[in-house]
Amino acid sequence: MATTGLSHVVASHYDNLPEKGREQRHESRIYHMRNFNNWIKSTLINEYLEKVRQQQPGAKLQVLDLGCGKGGDLQKWHRAKVDKVVGVDIASTSIEQCKDRYYEMRGRHGGRIFSGEFHAVDCTKEKIKDYLEDKEIQFDIVSCQFAFHYCFESLPQAECMLRNVSDNLRPGGFFIGTTPDANDIMARIEGNGCNRFGNSLFSVTFDESNVGGPQPLFGAQYQFHLEDVVDCPEFLVHFPTLTKLAEKFGLLMIGKQRFQNYFQQRKEQPEAKLLLQRMNALESWKVGEKQLGEEEDYKHMEGVETGGEKVGTLSRDEWEALTIYTVFIFKKMRL
């Protein structure tokens, strides 16, 4: 597997992340933030699988999950009743853990889940088709959650990633994902007047020599830290460049929305609202009641009329961390 550039750093970081149990995750300060991010992903997945079902009633649903990690979205695909999932990730240890999770799920459900295959592949440097059991398979959905930004290390890597998306996506299918918003990151850096921003949960740090001027279209590197989860280099995704590059591979951008706007637009939809509650994506908050974080973390709720009832919210630090992200959707056009 090709590991020049920073790919090996990223792979090593995720390979060495300890697997945490449900109890440990529940005690984490980013417990609700992670649930919120999972709600965003679930809502996005459900929205576009429904569009596929409308396009092709009764057809088998096949999904390619790029950067699948340890299999955090396997349950989402099961709940969405897809027929096949192929997961690929640069981190080989993560892929082994993903396989273990899949087979454990399969046993728990008596084999009544989607068929799955999982491969250690650097999607930014290798051809995914070379690894697939069925070289002719075409997917309805290609999903890349919180991982796409790694391909913007260089133009060849971005092109390789988009070629992999396009080559494996059927015409009319959707490429969906989540990634940091470069404009927001740079606005926060400029607002801070230095090479970093963040809070008690996360930080974004640029090399001091790389701030104060325009960023390169590729290789605009920063160090991203998120408590308990991430501490490795990432790259800004310049969306105008991504949009143009994607069109070269027959991928037309049909949607892009910041997390906070995506949430506001969908939180009252019946299915999404139910999912918010089921996934415990918001922390129950009541005036004067002790929360997971410090009292200061809930200053943004001052003046909110709750009528003495509990309402769903997130700490200020969690909200600041998750609002750097955006969802994106591309559609594969007929070439």
Protein backbone atom coordinates (compact mmCIF):
# COMPACT_ATOMS: atom_id res chain seq x y z
CA MET A 1 0.00 0.00 0.00
CA ALA A 2 1.38 3.41 -0.99
CA THR A 3 2.36 5.50 2.05
CA THR A 4 4.36 8.48 0.78
CA GLY A 5 3.32 11.97 1.90
CA LEU A 6 1.39 12.09 5.15
CA SER A 7 -0.81 9.05 4.48
CA HIS A 8 1.29 6.88 6.81
CA VAL A 9 0.91 9.44 9.62
CA VAL A 10 -2.89 9.41 9.25
CA ALA A 11 -3.03 5.59 8.98
CA SER A 12 -0.78 5.16 12.03
CA HIS A 13 -2.87 7.61 14.08
CA TYR A 14 -6.13 5.78 13.44
CA ASP A 15 -4.54 2.34 13.78
CA ASN A 16 -3.34 3.27 17.26
CA LEU A 17 -6.60 4.78 18.53
CA PRO A 18 -7.81 2.64 21.43
CA GLU A 19 -11.22 0.99 21.05
CA LYS A 20 -13.52 2.42 23.73
CA GLY A 21 -16.53 0.72 25.24
CA ARG A 22 -20.00 2.25 25.43
CA GLU A 23 -19.49 3.24 29.09
CA GLN A 24 -16.25 5.12 28.37
CA ARG A 25 -17.84 6.91 25.41
CA HIS A 26 -20.78 7.95 27.61
CA GLU A 27 -18.40 9.58 30.11
CA SER A 28 -16.58 11.54 27.39
CA ARG A 29 -17.05 15.31 27.23
CA ILE A 30 -17.80 14.95 23.51
CA TYR A 31 -20.40 12.20 24.01
CA HIS A 32 -23.31 14.33 22.76
CA MET A 33 -21.23 15.95 20.03
CA ARG A 34 -20.35 12.52 18.62
CA ASN A 35 -24.00 11.53 18.78
CA PHE A 36 -24.94 14.76 17.02
CA ASN A 37 -22.42 14.04 14.26
CA ASN A 38 -23.89 10.55 13.95
CA TRP A 39 -27.36 12.10 13.68
CA ILE A 40 -26.12 14.31 10.81
CA LYS A 41 -24.67 11.26 9.03
CA SER A 42 -27.79 9.13 9.61
CA THR A 43 -30.10 11.88 8.36
CA LEU A 44 -27.94 12.45 5.27
CA ILE A 45 -27.74 8.71 4.55
CA ASN A 46 -31.50 8.22 4.95
CA GLU A 47 -32.29 11.25 2.80
CA TYR A 48 -30.27 10.05 -0.20
CA LEU A 49 -31.13 6.38 0.11
CA GLU A 50 -34.76 7.45 -0.11
CA LYS A 51 -33.95 9.33 -3.34
CA VAL A 52 -32.29 6.17 -4.70
CA ARG A 53 -35.37 4.13 -3.77
CA GLN A 54 -37.56 6.60 -5.64
CA GLN A 55 -35.28 6.33 -8.69
CA GLN A 56 -35.17 2.53 -8.64
CA PRO A 57 -38.09 1.01 -6.70
CA GLY A 58 -37.31 -2.50 -5.53
CA ALA A 59 -33.68 -2.46 -6.71
CA LYS A 60 -30.89 -3.77 -4.47
CA LEU A 61 -29.07 -0.96 -2.67
CA GLN A 62 -25.27 -1.07 -2.81
CA VAL A 63 -23.02 1.25 -0.83
CA LEU A 64 -19.30 2.08 -0.97
CA ASP A 65 -18.05 3.53 2.32
CA LEU A 66 -14.75 5.39 1.83
CA GLY A 67 -12.78 5.87 5.05
CA CYS A 68 -15.06 3.45 6.89
CA GLY A 69 -12.67 3.27 9.87
CA LYS A 70 -13.62 0.73 12.53
CA GLY A 71 -17.14 0.42 11.10
CA GLY A 72 -18.91 3.18 13.00
CA ASP A 73 -21.58 3.44 10.29
CA LEU A 74 -22.33 -0.28 9.89
CA GLN A 75 -25.38 0.01 12.14
CA LYS A 76 -26.64 2.94 10.05
CA TRP A 77 -26.45 0.88 6.87
CA HIS A 78 -28.22 -2.00 8.59
CA ARG A 79 -31.02 0.24 9.83
CA ALA A 80 -31.32 1.74 6.35
CA LYS A 81 -31.87 -1.80 4.97
CA VAL A 82 -29.19 -1.72 2.27
CA ASP A 83 -28.19 -4.95 0.51
CA LYS A 84 -24.41 -4.62 0.20
CA VAL A 85 -21.69 -2.50 1.80
CA VAL A 86 -18.06 -2.35 0.71
CA GLY A 87 -15.89 -0.53 3.24
CA VAL A 88 -12.38 0.72 2.53
CA ASP A 89 -9.94 2.56 4.77
CA ILE A 90 -6.25 3.42 4.75
CA ALA A 91 -5.77 2.04 8.28
CA SER A 92 -5.39 -1.75 8.13
CA THR A 93 -5.92 -2.30 11.87
CA SER A 94 -9.16 -0.31 11.65
CA ILE A 95 -10.29 -2.53 8.76
CA GLU A 96 -9.66 -5.67 10.85
CA GLN A 97 -11.72 -4.15 13.68
CA CYS A 98 -14.41 -3.23 11.15
CA LYS A 99 -14.56 -6.84 9.93
CA ASP A 100 -14.84 -8.06 13.52
CA ARG A 101 -17.69 -5.63 14.16
CA TYR A 102 -19.46 -6.69 10.97
CA TYR A 103 -19.24 -10.42 11.74
CA GLU A 104 -20.35 -9.81 15.33
CA MET A 105 -23.38 -7.91 13.96
CA ARG A 106 -24.02 -10.66 11.44
CA GLY A 107 -24.05 -13.28 14.20
CA ARG A 108 -26.29 -11.17 16.41
CA HIS A 109 -28.84 -10.78 13.60
CA GLY A 110 -28.72 -14.41 12.51
CA GLY A 111 -27.10 -13.49 9.19
CA ARG A 112 -30.02 -11.24 8.23
CA ILE A 113 -27.98 -8.17 7.37
CA PHE A 114 -26.33 -6.78 4.25
CA SER A 115 -23.44 -8.63 2.62
CA GLY A 116 -20.14 -6.91 3.32
CA GLU A 117 -16.53 -6.81 2.22
CA PHE A 118 -13.76 -4.66 3.64
CA HIS A 119 -10.34 -3.69 2.30
CA ALA A 120 -7.29 -1.70 3.44
CA VAL A 121 -6.83 0.78 0.58
CA ASP A 122 -5.40 4.29 0.29
CA CYS A 123 -8.23 5.78 -1.80
CA THR A 124 -6.04 8.79 -2.62
CA LYS A 125 -3.35 6.67 -4.30
CA GLU A 126 -4.79 3.28 -5.26
CA LYS A 127 -7.53 2.00 -7.52
CA ILE A 128 -10.36 0.58 -5.41
CA LYS A 129 -11.65 -1.66 -8.22
CA ASP A 130 -8.44 -3.71 -8.02
CA TYR A 131 -9.52 -4.88 -4.56
CA LEU A 132 -13.22 -5.58 -5.16
CA GLU A 133 -14.61 -9.11 -5.36
CA ASP A 134 -16.90 -8.00 -8.21
CA LYS A 135 -14.95 -5.70 -10.55
CA GLU A 136 -18.14 -4.70 -12.41
CA ILE A 137 -20.15 -3.62 -9.37
CA GLN A 138 -21.73 -0.14 -9.50
CA PHE A 139 -22.80 1.53 -6.27
CA ASP A 140 -25.91 3.64 -5.62
CA ILE A 141 -24.26 5.61 -2.83
CA VAL A 142 -20.62 6.44 -2.19
CA SER A 143 -20.20 7.82 1.33
CA CYS A 144 -17.13 9.54 2.77
CA GLN A 145 -17.67 10.76 6.33
CA PHE A 146 -15.11 13.01 8.03
CA ALA A 147 -12.31 11.72 5.79
CA PHE A 148 -12.47 13.44 2.40
CA HIS A 149 -10.18 16.31 3.42
CA TYR A 150 -7.16 13.97 3.52
CA CYS A 151 -7.18 13.73 -0.29
CA PHE A 152 -6.51 17.47 -0.63
CA GLU A 153 -2.87 16.90 0.29
CA SER A 154 -2.10 17.14 -3.43
CA LEU A 155 -3.82 17.46 -6.81
CA PRO A 156 -2.96 13.86 -7.86
CA GLN A 157 -4.46 12.53 -4.60
CA ALA A 158 -7.66 14.55 -5.01
CA GLU A 159 -7.97 13.34 -8.61
CA CYS A 160 -7.37 9.73 -7.57
CA MET A 161 -10.05 9.97 -4.88
CA LEU A 162 -12.61 11.51 -7.25
CA ARG A 163 -11.76 8.95 -9.95
CA ASN A 164 -12.42 6.20 -7.39
CA VAL A 165 -15.77 7.79 -6.54
CA SER A 166 -16.82 8.20 -10.17
CA ASP A 167 -15.57 4.79 -11.38
CA ASN A 168 -17.62 2.99 -8.74
CA LEU A 169 -20.79 5.11 -8.74
CA ARG A 170 -23.59 4.36 -11.18
CA PRO A 171 -25.01 7.26 -13.25
CA GLY A 172 -27.72 8.91 -11.16
CA GLY A 173 -26.10 7.71 -7.91
CA PHE A 174 -24.99 10.04 -5.11
CA PHE A 175 -21.65 10.85 -3.49
CA ILE A 176 -22.38 12.12 0.03
CA GLY A 177 -20.06 13.20 2.80
CA THR A 178 -19.00 15.49 5.61
CA THR A 179 -15.83 17.57 5.80
CA PRO A 180 -14.47 20.72 7.49
CA ASP A 181 -15.45 24.03 5.88
CA ALA A 182 -12.26 25.80 4.71
CA ASN A 183 -13.87 29.26 4.63
CA ASP A 184 -15.01 28.92 8.23
CA ILE A 185 -11.60 27.69 9.37
CA MET A 186 -9.80 30.62 7.72
CA ALA A 187 -12.36 33.12 9.04
CA ARG A 188 -11.74 31.87 12.58
CA ILE A 189 -7.94 32.02 12.11
CA GLU A 190 -8.20 35.61 10.84
CA GLY A 191 -10.62 36.52 13.63
CA ASN A 192 -8.15 35.21 16.20
CA GLY A 193 -5.25 37.11 14.67
CA CYS A 194 -2.86 34.18 15.13
CA ASN A 195 -2.10 30.72 13.76
CA ARG A 196 -4.64 28.76 15.87
CA PHE A 197 -8.13 28.68 17.32
CA GLY A 198 -10.09 26.28 19.46
CA ASN A 199 -11.34 25.67 22.98
CA SER A 200 -11.12 23.02 25.71
CA LEU A 201 -12.29 20.27 23.31
CA PHE A 202 -10.64 20.96 19.97
CA SER A 203 -8.00 23.04 18.22
CA VAL A 204 -6.90 23.90 14.69
CA THR A 205 -3.27 24.96 14.38
CA PHE A 206 -1.41 26.14 11.27
CA ASP A 207 2.35 26.48 10.97
CA GLU A 208 3.09 30.14 11.74
CA SER A 209 4.74 30.56 8.35
CA ASN A 210 1.48 29.50 6.61
CA VAL A 211 -0.85 32.22 7.88
CA GLY A 212 -1.31 35.80 6.79
CA GLY A 213 -1.63 35.11 3.07
CA PRO A 214 -3.71 33.05 0.66
CA GLN A 215 -3.63 29.30 1.20
CA PRO A 216 -2.59 26.92 -1.60
CA LEU A 217 -5.42 25.04 -3.34
CA PHE A 218 -3.82 21.73 -2.30
CA GLY A 219 -1.57 20.89 0.63
CA ALA A 220 -2.96 23.64 2.92
CA GLN A 221 -2.06 21.74 6.05
CA TYR A 222 -3.13 22.26 9.65
CA GLN A 223 -3.02 20.13 12.80
CA PHE A 224 -6.44 19.12 14.07
CA HIS A 225 -7.00 18.00 17.64
CA LEU A 226 -10.30 16.72 19.05
CA GLU A 227 -10.36 15.33 22.56
CA ASP A 228 -10.17 11.51 22.67
CA VAL A 229 -10.56 11.12 18.90
CA VAL A 230 -8.25 12.99 16.51
CA ASP A 231 -4.75 14.44 16.64
CA CYS A 232 -3.24 14.45 13.17
CA PRO A 233 -2.64 16.63 10.09
CA GLU A 234 -5.58 17.57 7.85
CA PHE A 235 -5.94 19.68 4.70
CA LEU A 236 -8.27 22.48 3.70
CA VAL A 237 -10.79 21.54 0.99
CA HIS A 238 -11.19 24.47 -1.40
CA PHE A 239 -14.75 23.87 -2.59
CA PRO A 240 -14.66 25.89 -5.85
CA THR A 241 -11.65 23.77 -6.87
CA LEU A 242 -13.35 20.57 -5.71
CA THR A 243 -16.49 21.42 -7.70
CA LYS A 244 -14.52 22.00 -10.91
CA LEU A 245 -12.38 18.92 -10.40
CA ALA A 246 -15.40 16.74 -9.68
CA GLU A 247 -17.10 17.83 -12.91
CA LYS A 248 -14.10 16.41 -14.77
CA PHE A 249 -15.15 13.02 -13.40
CA GLY A 250 -18.85 13.46 -14.14
CA LEU A 251 -19.76 14.47 -10.57
CA LEU A 252 -22.05 17.49 -10.23
CA MET A 253 -22.34 19.17 -6.83
CA ILE A 254 -26.05 19.40 -5.95
CA GLY A 255 -25.78 20.39 -2.29
CA LYS A 256 -23.51 21.83 0.39
CA GLN A 257 -24.69 22.95 3.80
CA ARG A 258 -23.06 23.82 7.09
CA PHE A 259 -23.95 21.49 9.96
CA GLN A 260 -25.87 24.16 11.88
CA ASN A 261 -28.05 24.95 8.84
CA TYR A 262 -28.59 21.28 7.99
CA PHE A 263 -29.70 20.74 11.59
CA GLN A 264 -32.04 23.76 11.69
CA GLN A 265 -33.76 22.71 8.46
CA ARG A 266 -34.35 19.10 9.48
CA LYS A 267 -34.69 18.98 13.27
CA GLU A 268 -38.50 19.26 13.19
CA GLN A 269 -39.05 16.69 10.45
CA PRO A 270 -40.80 13.74 12.14
CA GLU A 271 -38.23 11.05 11.32
CA ALA A 272 -35.24 13.31 12.04
CA LYS A 273 -36.79 14.54 15.30
CA LEU A 274 -37.37 10.97 16.47
CA LEU A 275 -33.79 10.10 15.53
CA LEU A 276 -32.45 13.05 17.55
CA GLN A 277 -34.10 11.60 20.64
CA ARG A 278 -33.21 7.98 19.93
CA MET A 279 -29.54 8.80 19.29
CA ASN A 280 -29.31 11.05 22.36
CA ALA A 281 -27.80 13.69 20.08
CA LEU A 282 -28.59 16.62 22.36
CA GLU A 283 -27.92 17.04 26.06
CA SER A 284 -30.97 17.67 28.25
CA TRP A 285 -30.55 21.12 29.79
CA LYS A 286 -32.48 22.94 32.48
CA VAL A 287 -31.75 26.29 34.10
CA GLY A 288 -29.58 25.79 37.18
CA GLU A 289 -29.02 22.07 36.64
CA LYS A 290 -25.47 20.70 36.65
CA GLN A 291 -24.27 19.50 33.23
CA LEU A 292 -21.31 17.42 31.97
CA GLY A 293 -19.18 20.53 31.39
CA GLU A 294 -18.55 23.71 33.35
CA GLU A 295 -21.36 26.23 33.99
CA GLU A 296 -19.56 28.62 31.64
CA ASP A 297 -20.17 26.15 28.80
CA TYR A 298 -23.90 26.91 28.83
CA LYS A 299 -23.76 30.71 28.88
CA HIS A 300 -25.24 30.69 25.37
CA MET A 301 -28.47 29.32 26.88
CA GLU A 302 -28.98 32.33 29.16
CA GLY A 303 -32.30 33.98 28.49
CA VAL A 304 -33.73 30.93 26.72
CA GLU A 305 -37.33 30.48 27.84
CA THR A 306 -37.93 26.82 28.73
CA GLY A 307 -40.94 27.16 31.03
CA GLY A 308 -39.03 25.15 33.63
CA GLU A 309 -38.80 22.20 31.25
CA LYS A 310 -35.66 20.47 29.98
CA VAL A 311 -34.57 21.32 26.44
CA GLY A 312 -32.01 19.77 24.10
CA THR A 313 -28.73 21.59 23.62
CA LEU A 314 -24.98 21.15 23.37
CA SER A 315 -22.21 22.85 25.32
CA ARG A 316 -20.75 25.96 23.74
CA ASP A 317 -17.41 24.19 23.20
CA GLU A 318 -19.09 21.25 21.44
CA TRP A 319 -21.11 23.60 19.23
CA GLU A 320 -17.97 25.56 18.29
CA ALA A 321 -16.22 22.32 17.35
CA LEU A 322 -18.94 20.76 15.21
CA THR A 323 -19.89 23.94 13.35
CA ILE A 324 -16.64 23.89 11.38
CA TYR A 325 -18.17 21.05 9.33
CA THR A 326 -20.31 20.95 6.22
CA VAL A 327 -22.27 18.24 4.41
CA PHE A 328 -21.82 17.85 0.64
CA ILE A 329 -23.68 15.95 -2.06
CA PHE A 330 -22.62 15.19 -5.64
CA LYS A 331 -24.61 13.36 -8.29
CA LYS A 332 -23.00 11.15 -10.96
CA MET A 333 -24.05 12.43 -14.37
CA ARG A 334 -24.11 10.36 -17.53
CA LEU A 335 -20.83 10.98 -19.36
